[in-house]
Amino acid sequence: VPDIYDPPDGNAARQQVQILRDALAYVETV
């Protein structure tokens, strides 16, 4: 029986995408 992992955490995806948006906005400003 292989190791069982939880399904992907949707909150983690939204959090990382938001961090990227903030970084891209900063790059736009620069």
PDB file of all heavy atoms in Angstrom:
ATOM      1  N   VAL A   1       0.863  -1.194   0.000  1.00  0.00           N
ATOM      2  CA  VAL A   1       0.000   0.000   0.000  1.00  0.00           C
ATOM      3  C   VAL A   1       0.897   1.241   0.000  1.00  0.00           C
ATOM      4  O   VAL A   1       1.702   1.425   0.916  1.00  0.00           O
ATOM      5  CB  VAL A   1      -0.925   0.007   1.230  1.00  0.00           C
ATOM      6  CG1 VAL A   1      -1.746   1.288   1.273  1.00  0.00           C
ATOM      7  CG2 VAL A   1      -1.837  -1.209   1.211  1.00  0.00           C
ATOM      8  N   PRO A   2       0.784   2.108  -1.010  1.00  0.00           N
ATOM      9  CA  PRO A   2       1.645   3.301  -1.052  1.00  0.00           C
ATOM     10  C   PRO A   2       1.242   4.322   0.001  1.00  0.00           C
ATOM     11  O   PRO A   2       0.136   4.255   0.568  1.00  0.00           O
ATOM     12  CB  PRO A   2       1.412   3.852  -2.469  1.00  0.00           C
ATOM     13  CG  PRO A   2       0.031   3.382  -2.818  1.00  0.00           C
ATOM     14  CD  PRO A   2      -0.137   2.038  -2.157  1.00  0.00           C
ATOM     15  N   ASP A   3       2.134   5.237   0.273  1.00  0.00           N
ATOM     16  CA  ASP A   3       1.826   6.321   1.201  1.00  0.00           C
ATOM     17  C   ASP A   3       0.638   7.129   0.667  1.00  0.00           C
ATOM     18  O   ASP A   3       0.522   7.379  -0.539  1.00  0.00           O
ATOM     19  CB  ASP A   3       3.027   7.253   1.363  1.00  0.00           C
ATOM     20  CG  ASP A   3       4.187   6.566   2.064  1.00  0.00           C
ATOM     21  OD1 ASP A   3       3.948   5.536   2.716  1.00  0.00           O
ATOM     22  OD2 ASP A   3       5.332   7.054   1.942  1.00  0.00           O
ATOM     23  N   ILE A   4      -0.240   7.518   1.571  1.00  0.00           N
ATOM     24  CA  ILE A   4      -1.424   8.295   1.203  1.00  0.00           C
ATOM     25  C   ILE A   4      -1.186   9.756   1.567  1.00  0.00           C
ATOM     26  O   ILE A   4      -0.789  10.063   2.698  1.00  0.00           O
ATOM     27  CB  ILE A   4      -2.675   7.745   1.905  1.00  0.00           C
ATOM     28  CG1 ILE A   4      -2.943   6.313   1.443  1.00  0.00           C
ATOM     29  CG2 ILE A   4      -3.888   8.638   1.630  1.00  0.00           C
ATOM     30  CD1 ILE A   4      -4.130   5.669   2.126  1.00  0.00           C
ATOM     31  N   TYR A   5      -1.427  10.627   0.612  1.00  0.00           N
ATOM     32  CA  TYR A   5      -1.261  12.066   0.809  1.00  0.00           C
ATOM     33  C   TYR A   5      -2.610  12.757   0.671  1.00  0.00           C
ATOM     34  O   TYR A   5      -3.494  12.298  -0.065  1.00  0.00           O
ATOM     35  CB  TYR A   5      -0.275  12.645  -0.209  1.00  0.00           C
ATOM     36  CG  TYR A   5       1.164  12.276   0.055  1.00  0.00           C
ATOM     37  CD1 TYR A   5       1.654  11.026  -0.311  1.00  0.00           C
ATOM     38  CD2 TYR A   5       2.030  13.169   0.683  1.00  0.00           C
ATOM     39  CE1 TYR A   5       2.971  10.673  -0.055  1.00  0.00           C
ATOM     40  CE2 TYR A   5       3.342  12.828   0.935  1.00  0.00           C
ATOM     41  CZ  TYR A   5       3.808  11.578   0.565  1.00  0.00           C
ATOM     42  OH  TYR A   5       5.108  11.229   0.822  1.00  0.00           O
ATOM     43  N   ASP A   6      -2.759  13.845   1.390  1.00  0.00           N
ATOM     44  CA  ASP A   6      -3.987  14.638   1.290  1.00  0.00           C
ATOM     45  C   ASP A   6      -4.093  15.296  -0.084  1.00  0.00           C
ATOM     46  O   ASP A   6      -3.072  15.534  -0.748  1.00  0.00           O
ATOM     47  CB  ASP A   6      -4.002  15.723   2.368  1.00  0.00           C
ATOM     48  CG  ASP A   6      -4.104  15.132   3.768  1.00  0.00           C
ATOM     49  OD1 ASP A   6      -4.779  14.094   3.916  1.00  0.00           O
ATOM     50  OD2 ASP A   6      -3.513  15.713   4.698  1.00  0.00           O
ATOM     51  N   PRO A   7      -5.310  15.615  -0.527  1.00  0.00           N
ATOM     52  CA  PRO A   7      -5.474  16.326  -1.807  1.00  0.00           C
ATOM     53  C   PRO A   7      -4.791  17.688  -1.750  1.00  0.00           C
ATOM     54  O   PRO A   7      -4.520  18.219  -0.666  1.00  0.00           O
ATOM     55  CB  PRO A   7      -6.995  16.462  -1.949  1.00  0.00           C
ATOM     56  CG  PRO A   7      -7.566  15.415  -1.040  1.00  0.00           C
ATOM     57  CD  PRO A   7      -6.595  15.278   0.095  1.00  0.00           C
ATOM     58  N   PRO A   8      -4.505  18.269  -2.917  1.00  0.00           N
ATOM     59  CA  PRO A   8      -3.857  19.600  -2.933  1.00  0.00           C
ATOM     60  C   PRO A   8      -4.675  20.628  -2.153  1.00  0.00           C
ATOM     61  O   PRO A   8      -5.898  20.664  -2.253  1.00  0.00           O
ATOM     62  CB  PRO A   8      -3.795  19.935  -4.428  1.00  0.00           C
ATOM     63  CG  PRO A   8      -3.849  18.624  -5.116  1.00  0.00           C
ATOM     64  CD  PRO A   8      -4.698  17.734  -4.272  1.00  0.00           C
ATOM     65  N   ASP A   9      -3.974  21.425  -1.391  1.00  0.00           N
ATOM     66  CA  ASP A   9      -4.601  22.480  -0.594  1.00  0.00           C
ATOM     67  C   ASP A   9      -4.866  23.692  -1.479  1.00  0.00           C
ATOM     68  O   ASP A   9      -3.927  24.355  -1.945  1.00  0.00           O
ATOM     69  CB  ASP A   9      -3.688  22.847   0.572  1.00  0.00           C
ATOM     70  CG  ASP A   9      -4.333  23.855   1.516  1.00  0.00           C
ATOM     71  OD1 ASP A   9      -5.499  24.229   1.280  1.00  0.00           O
ATOM     72  OD2 ASP A   9      -3.669  24.263   2.482  1.00  0.00           O
ATOM     73  N   GLY A  10      -6.140  23.974  -1.736  1.00  0.00           N
ATOM     74  CA  GLY A  10      -6.488  25.106  -2.584  1.00  0.00           C
ATOM     75  C   GLY A  10      -6.046  26.437  -1.997  1.00  0.00           C
ATOM     76  O   GLY A  10      -5.702  27.367  -2.743  1.00  0.00           O
ATOM     77  N   ASN A  11      -6.041  26.559  -0.691  1.00  0.00           N
ATOM     78  CA  ASN A  11      -5.610  27.814  -0.062  1.00  0.00           C
ATOM     79  C   ASN A  11      -4.146  28.106  -0.359  1.00  0.00           C
ATOM     80  O   ASN A  11      -3.756  29.264  -0.537  1.00  0.00           O
ATOM     81  CB  ASN A  11      -5.828  27.746   1.450  1.00  0.00           C
ATOM     82  CG  ASN A  11      -7.300  27.728   1.813  1.00  0.00           C
ATOM     83  OD1 ASN A  11      -8.126  28.313   1.108  1.00  0.00           O
ATOM     84  ND2 ASN A  11      -7.641  27.050   2.897  1.00  0.00           N
ATOM     85  N   ALA A  12      -3.322  27.031  -0.403  1.00  0.00           N
ATOM     86  CA  ALA A  12      -1.904  27.232  -0.716  1.00  0.00           C
ATOM     87  C   ALA A  12      -1.739  27.767  -2.129  1.00  0.00           C
ATOM     88  O   ALA A  12      -0.910  28.663  -2.370  1.00  0.00           O
ATOM     89  CB  ALA A  12      -1.150  25.909  -0.555  1.00  0.00           C
ATOM     90  N   ALA A  13      -2.527  27.277  -3.074  1.00  0.00           N
ATOM     91  CA  ALA A  13      -2.438  27.754  -4.458  1.00  0.00           C
ATOM     92  C   ALA A  13      -2.829  29.228  -4.540  1.00  0.00           C
ATOM     93  O   ALA A  13      -2.136  30.043  -5.176  1.00  0.00           O
ATOM     94  CB  ALA A  13      -3.331  26.910  -5.361  1.00  0.00           C
ATOM     95  N   ARG A  14      -3.939  29.581  -3.903  1.00  0.00           N
ATOM     96  CA  ARG A  14      -4.380  30.983  -3.953  1.00  0.00           C
ATOM     97  C   ARG A  14      -3.364  31.899  -3.278  1.00  0.00           C
ATOM     98  O   ARG A  14      -3.094  33.015  -3.750  1.00  0.00           O
ATOM     99  CB  ARG A  14      -5.746  31.117  -3.276  1.00  0.00           C
ATOM    100  CG  ARG A  14      -6.890  30.550  -4.108  1.00  0.00           C
ATOM    101  CD  ARG A  14      -8.231  30.867  -3.490  1.00  0.00           C
ATOM    102  NE  ARG A  14      -8.450  30.071  -2.287  1.00  0.00           N
ATOM    103  CZ  ARG A  14      -9.001  28.860  -2.287  1.00  0.00           C
ATOM    104  NH1 ARG A  14      -9.381  28.309  -3.434  1.00  0.00           N
ATOM    105  NH2 ARG A  14      -9.187  28.210  -1.162  1.00  0.00           N
ATOM    106  N   GLN A  15      -2.788  31.425  -2.168  1.00  0.00           N
ATOM    107  CA  GLN A  15      -1.810  32.250  -1.458  1.00  0.00           C
ATOM    108  C   GLN A  15      -0.571  32.516  -2.315  1.00  0.00           C
ATOM    109  O   GLN A  15      -0.093  33.648  -2.397  1.00  0.00           O
ATOM    110  CB  GLN A  15      -1.424  31.566  -0.152  1.00  0.00           C
ATOM    111  CG  GLN A  15      -0.383  32.314   0.657  1.00  0.00           C
ATOM    112  CD  GLN A  15      -0.006  31.572   1.931  1.00  0.00           C
ATOM    113  OE1 GLN A  15      -0.643  30.589   2.295  1.00  0.00           O
ATOM    114  NE2 GLN A  15       1.027  32.035   2.592  1.00  0.00           N
ATOM    115  N   GLN A  16      -0.058  31.463  -2.965  1.00  0.00           N
ATOM    116  CA  GLN A  16       1.152  31.638  -3.759  1.00  0.00           C
ATOM    117  C   GLN A  16       0.885  32.480  -5.011  1.00  0.00           C
ATOM    118  O   GLN A  16       1.740  33.284  -5.419  1.00  0.00           O
ATOM    119  CB  GLN A  16       1.704  30.268  -4.154  1.00  0.00           C
ATOM    120  CG  GLN A  16       2.164  29.407  -2.978  1.00  0.00           C
ATOM    121  CD  GLN A  16       3.126  30.126  -2.065  1.00  0.00           C
ATOM    122  OE1 GLN A  16       2.766  30.539  -0.958  1.00  0.00           O
ATOM    123  NE2 GLN A  16       4.359  30.299  -2.530  1.00  0.00           N
ATOM    124  N   VAL A  17      -0.271  32.311  -5.616  1.00  0.00           N
ATOM    125  CA  VAL A  17      -0.613  33.144  -6.785  1.00  0.00           C
ATOM    126  C   VAL A  17      -0.728  34.598  -6.371  1.00  0.00           C
ATOM    127  O   VAL A  17      -0.288  35.509  -7.112  1.00  0.00           O
ATOM    128  CB  VAL A  17      -1.915  32.638  -7.428  1.00  0.00           C
ATOM    129  CG1 VAL A  17      -2.425  33.638  -8.468  1.00  0.00           C
ATOM    130  CG2 VAL A  17      -1.694  31.282  -8.081  1.00  0.00           C
ATOM    131  N   GLN A  18      -1.284  34.870  -5.215  1.00  0.00           N
ATOM    132  CA  GLN A  18      -1.391  36.256  -4.752  1.00  0.00           C
ATOM    133  C   GLN A  18      -0.005  36.851  -4.477  1.00  0.00           C
ATOM    134  O   GLN A  18       0.255  38.025  -4.779  1.00  0.00           O
ATOM    135  CB  GLN A  18      -2.246  36.322  -3.478  1.00  0.00           C
ATOM    136  CG  GLN A  18      -2.506  37.731  -2.972  1.00  0.00           C
ATOM    137  CD  GLN A  18      -3.186  38.606  -4.003  1.00  0.00           C
ATOM    138  OE1 GLN A  18      -4.190  38.204  -4.597  1.00  0.00           O
ATOM    139  NE2 GLN A  18      -2.657  39.803  -4.236  1.00  0.00           N
ATOM    140  N   ILE A  19       0.881  36.056  -3.923  1.00  0.00           N
ATOM    141  CA  ILE A  19       2.252  36.547  -3.705  1.00  0.00           C
ATOM    142  C   ILE A  19       2.903  36.890  -5.030  1.00  0.00           C
ATOM    143  O   ILE A  19       3.598  37.913  -5.154  1.00  0.00           O
ATOM    144  CB  ILE A  19       3.071  35.475  -2.951  1.00  0.00           C
ATOM    145  CG1 ILE A  19       2.550  35.314  -1.522  1.00  0.00           C
ATOM    146  CG2 ILE A  19       4.551  35.840  -2.938  1.00  0.00           C
ATOM    147  CD1 ILE A  19       3.212  34.192  -0.754  1.00  0.00           C
ATOM    148  N   LEU A  20       2.669  36.058  -6.046  1.00  0.00           N
ATOM    149  CA  LEU A  20       3.237  36.352  -7.371  1.00  0.00           C
ATOM    150  C   LEU A  20       2.647  37.626  -7.947  1.00  0.00           C
ATOM    151  O   LEU A  20       3.365  38.431  -8.556  1.00  0.00           O
ATOM    152  CB  LEU A  20       2.998  35.164  -8.310  1.00  0.00           C
ATOM    153  CG  LEU A  20       3.514  35.347  -9.735  1.00  0.00           C
ATOM    154  CD1 LEU A  20       5.016  35.612  -9.759  1.00  0.00           C
ATOM    155  CD2 LEU A  20       3.176  34.124 -10.589  1.00  0.00           C
ATOM    156  N   ARG A  21       1.341  37.815  -7.783  1.00  0.00           N
ATOM    157  CA  ARG A  21       0.719  39.051  -8.280  1.00  0.00           C
ATOM    158  C   ARG A  21       1.359  40.275  -7.626  1.00  0.00           C
ATOM    159  O   ARG A  21       1.633  41.279  -8.289  1.00  0.00           O
ATOM    160  CB  ARG A  21      -0.787  39.034  -8.005  1.00  0.00           C
ATOM    161  CG  ARG A  21      -1.590  38.124  -8.926  1.00  0.00           C
ATOM    162  CD  ARG A  21      -3.060  38.482  -8.880  1.00  0.00           C
ATOM    163  NE  ARG A  21      -3.837  37.641  -9.776  1.00  0.00           N
ATOM    164  CZ  ARG A  21      -4.525  36.575  -9.403  1.00  0.00           C
ATOM    165  NH1 ARG A  21      -4.522  36.216  -8.119  1.00  0.00           N
ATOM    166  NH2 ARG A  21      -5.217  35.868 -10.283  1.00  0.00           N
ATOM    167  N   ASP A  22       1.575  40.211  -6.316  1.00  0.00           N
ATOM    168  CA  ASP A  22       2.205  41.336  -5.615  1.00  0.00           C
ATOM    169  C   ASP A  22       3.625  41.564  -6.131  1.00  0.00           C
ATOM    170  O   ASP A  22       4.059  42.714  -6.311  1.00  0.00           O
ATOM    171  CB  ASP A  22       2.227  41.065  -4.112  1.00  0.00           C
ATOM    172  CG  ASP A  22       0.830  41.007  -3.513  1.00  0.00           C
ATOM    173  OD1 ASP A  22      -0.111  41.533  -4.147  1.00  0.00           O
ATOM    174  OD2 ASP A  22       0.675  40.423  -2.411  1.00  0.00           O
ATOM    175  N   ALA A  23       4.362  40.464  -6.374  1.00  0.00           N
ATOM    176  CA  ALA A  23       5.727  40.607  -6.882  1.00  0.00           C
ATOM    177  C   ALA A  23       5.722  41.197  -8.285  1.00  0.00           C
ATOM    178  O   ALA A  23       6.562  42.066  -8.613  1.00  0.00           O
ATOM    179  CB  ALA A  23       6.408  39.238  -6.878  1.00  0.00           C
ATOM    180  N   LEU A  24       4.787  40.768  -9.116  1.00  0.00           N
ATOM    181  CA  LEU A  24       4.707  41.308 -10.473  1.00  0.00           C
ATOM    182  C   LEU A  24       4.326  42.790 -10.452  1.00  0.00           C
ATOM    183  O   LEU A  24       4.837  43.586 -11.264  1.00  0.00           O
ATOM    184  CB  LEU A  24       3.681  40.509 -11.284  1.00  0.00           C
ATOM    185  CG  LEU A  24       4.060  39.052 -11.579  1.00  0.00           C
ATOM    186  CD1 LEU A  24       2.904  38.327 -12.252  1.00  0.00           C
ATOM    187  CD2 LEU A  24       5.303  38.990 -12.468  1.00  0.00           C
ATOM    188  N   ALA A  25       3.443  43.152  -9.531  1.00  0.00           N
ATOM    189  CA  ALA A  25       3.079  44.569  -9.405  1.00  0.00           C
ATOM    190  C   ALA A  25       4.281  45.395  -8.989  1.00  0.00           C
ATOM    191  O   ALA A  25       4.491  46.521  -9.472  1.00  0.00           O
ATOM    192  CB  ALA A  25       1.940  44.712  -8.401  1.00  0.00           C
ATOM    193  N   TYR A  26       5.099  44.829  -8.114  1.00  0.00           N
ATOM    194  CA  TYR A  26       6.318  45.537  -7.695  1.00  0.00           C
ATOM    195  C   TYR A  26       7.277  45.695  -8.870  1.00  0.00           C
ATOM    196  O   TYR A  26       7.868  46.776  -9.068  1.00  0.00           O
ATOM    197  CB  TYR A  26       6.981  44.749  -6.565  1.00  0.00           C
ATOM    198  CG  TYR A  26       8.290  45.336  -6.097  1.00  0.00           C
ATOM    199  CD1 TYR A  26       8.326  46.407  -5.225  1.00  0.00           C
ATOM    200  CD2 TYR A  26       9.513  44.804  -6.533  1.00  0.00           C
ATOM    201  CE1 TYR A  26       9.539  46.944  -4.790  1.00  0.00           C
ATOM    202  CE2 TYR A  26      10.722  45.328  -6.115  1.00  0.00           C
ATOM    203  CZ  TYR A  26      10.726  46.396  -5.241  1.00  0.00           C
ATOM    204  OH  TYR A  26      11.915  46.930  -4.827  1.00  0.00           O
ATOM    205  N   VAL A  27       7.432  44.618  -9.662  1.00  0.00           N
ATOM    206  CA  VAL A  27       8.304  44.698 -10.831  1.00  0.00           C
ATOM    207  C   VAL A  27       7.770  45.740 -11.812  1.00  0.00           C
ATOM    208  O   VAL A  27       8.541  46.516 -12.411  1.00  0.00           O
ATOM    209  CB  VAL A  27       8.427  43.322 -11.509  1.00  0.00           C
ATOM    210  CG1 VAL A  27       9.206  43.442 -12.823  1.00  0.00           C
ATOM    211  CG2 VAL A  27       9.112  42.335 -10.573  1.00  0.00           C
ATOM    212  N   GLU A  28       6.449  45.797 -11.994  1.00  0.00           N
ATOM    213  CA  GLU A  28       5.832  46.802 -12.873  1.00  0.00           C
ATOM    214  C   GLU A  28       6.181  48.210 -12.405  1.00  0.00           C
ATOM    215  O   GLU A  28       6.515  49.099 -13.202  1.00  0.00           O
ATOM    216  CB  GLU A  28       4.313  46.615 -12.876  1.00  0.00           C
ATOM    217  CG  GLU A  28       3.827  45.346 -13.528  1.00  0.00           C
ATOM    218  CD  GLU A  28       3.548  45.537 -14.999  1.00  0.00           C
ATOM    219  OE1 GLU A  28       3.813  46.631 -15.521  1.00  0.00           O
ATOM    220  OE2 GLU A  28       3.087  44.577 -15.629  1.00  0.00           O
ATOM    221  N   THR A  29       6.114  48.406 -11.084  1.00  0.00           N
ATOM    222  CA  THR A  29       6.413  49.731 -10.533  1.00  0.00           C
ATOM    223  C   THR A  29       7.869  50.106 -10.781  1.00  0.00           C
ATOM    224  O   THR A  29       8.189  51.247 -11.151  1.00  0.00           O
ATOM    225  CB  THR A  29       6.118  49.741  -9.027  1.00  0.00           C
ATOM    226  OG1 THR A  29       4.742  49.407  -8.807  1.00  0.00           O
ATOM    227  CG2 THR A  29       6.400  51.110  -8.430  1.00  0.00           C
ATOM    228  N   VAL A  30       8.763  49.144 -10.575  1.00  0.00           N
ATOM    229  CA  VAL A  30      10.191  49.414 -10.790  1.00  0.00           C
ATOM    230  C   VAL A  30      10.468  49.712 -12.256  1.00  0.00           C
ATOM    231  O   VAL A  30      11.211  50.654 -12.600  1.00  0.00           O
ATOM    232  CB  VAL A  30      11.026  48.218 -10.304  1.00  0.00           C
ATOM    233  CG1 VAL A  30      12.496  48.397 -10.686  1.00  0.00           C
ATOM    234  CG2 VAL A  30      10.902  48.048  -8.793  1.00  0.00           C
TER     235      VAL A  30
END
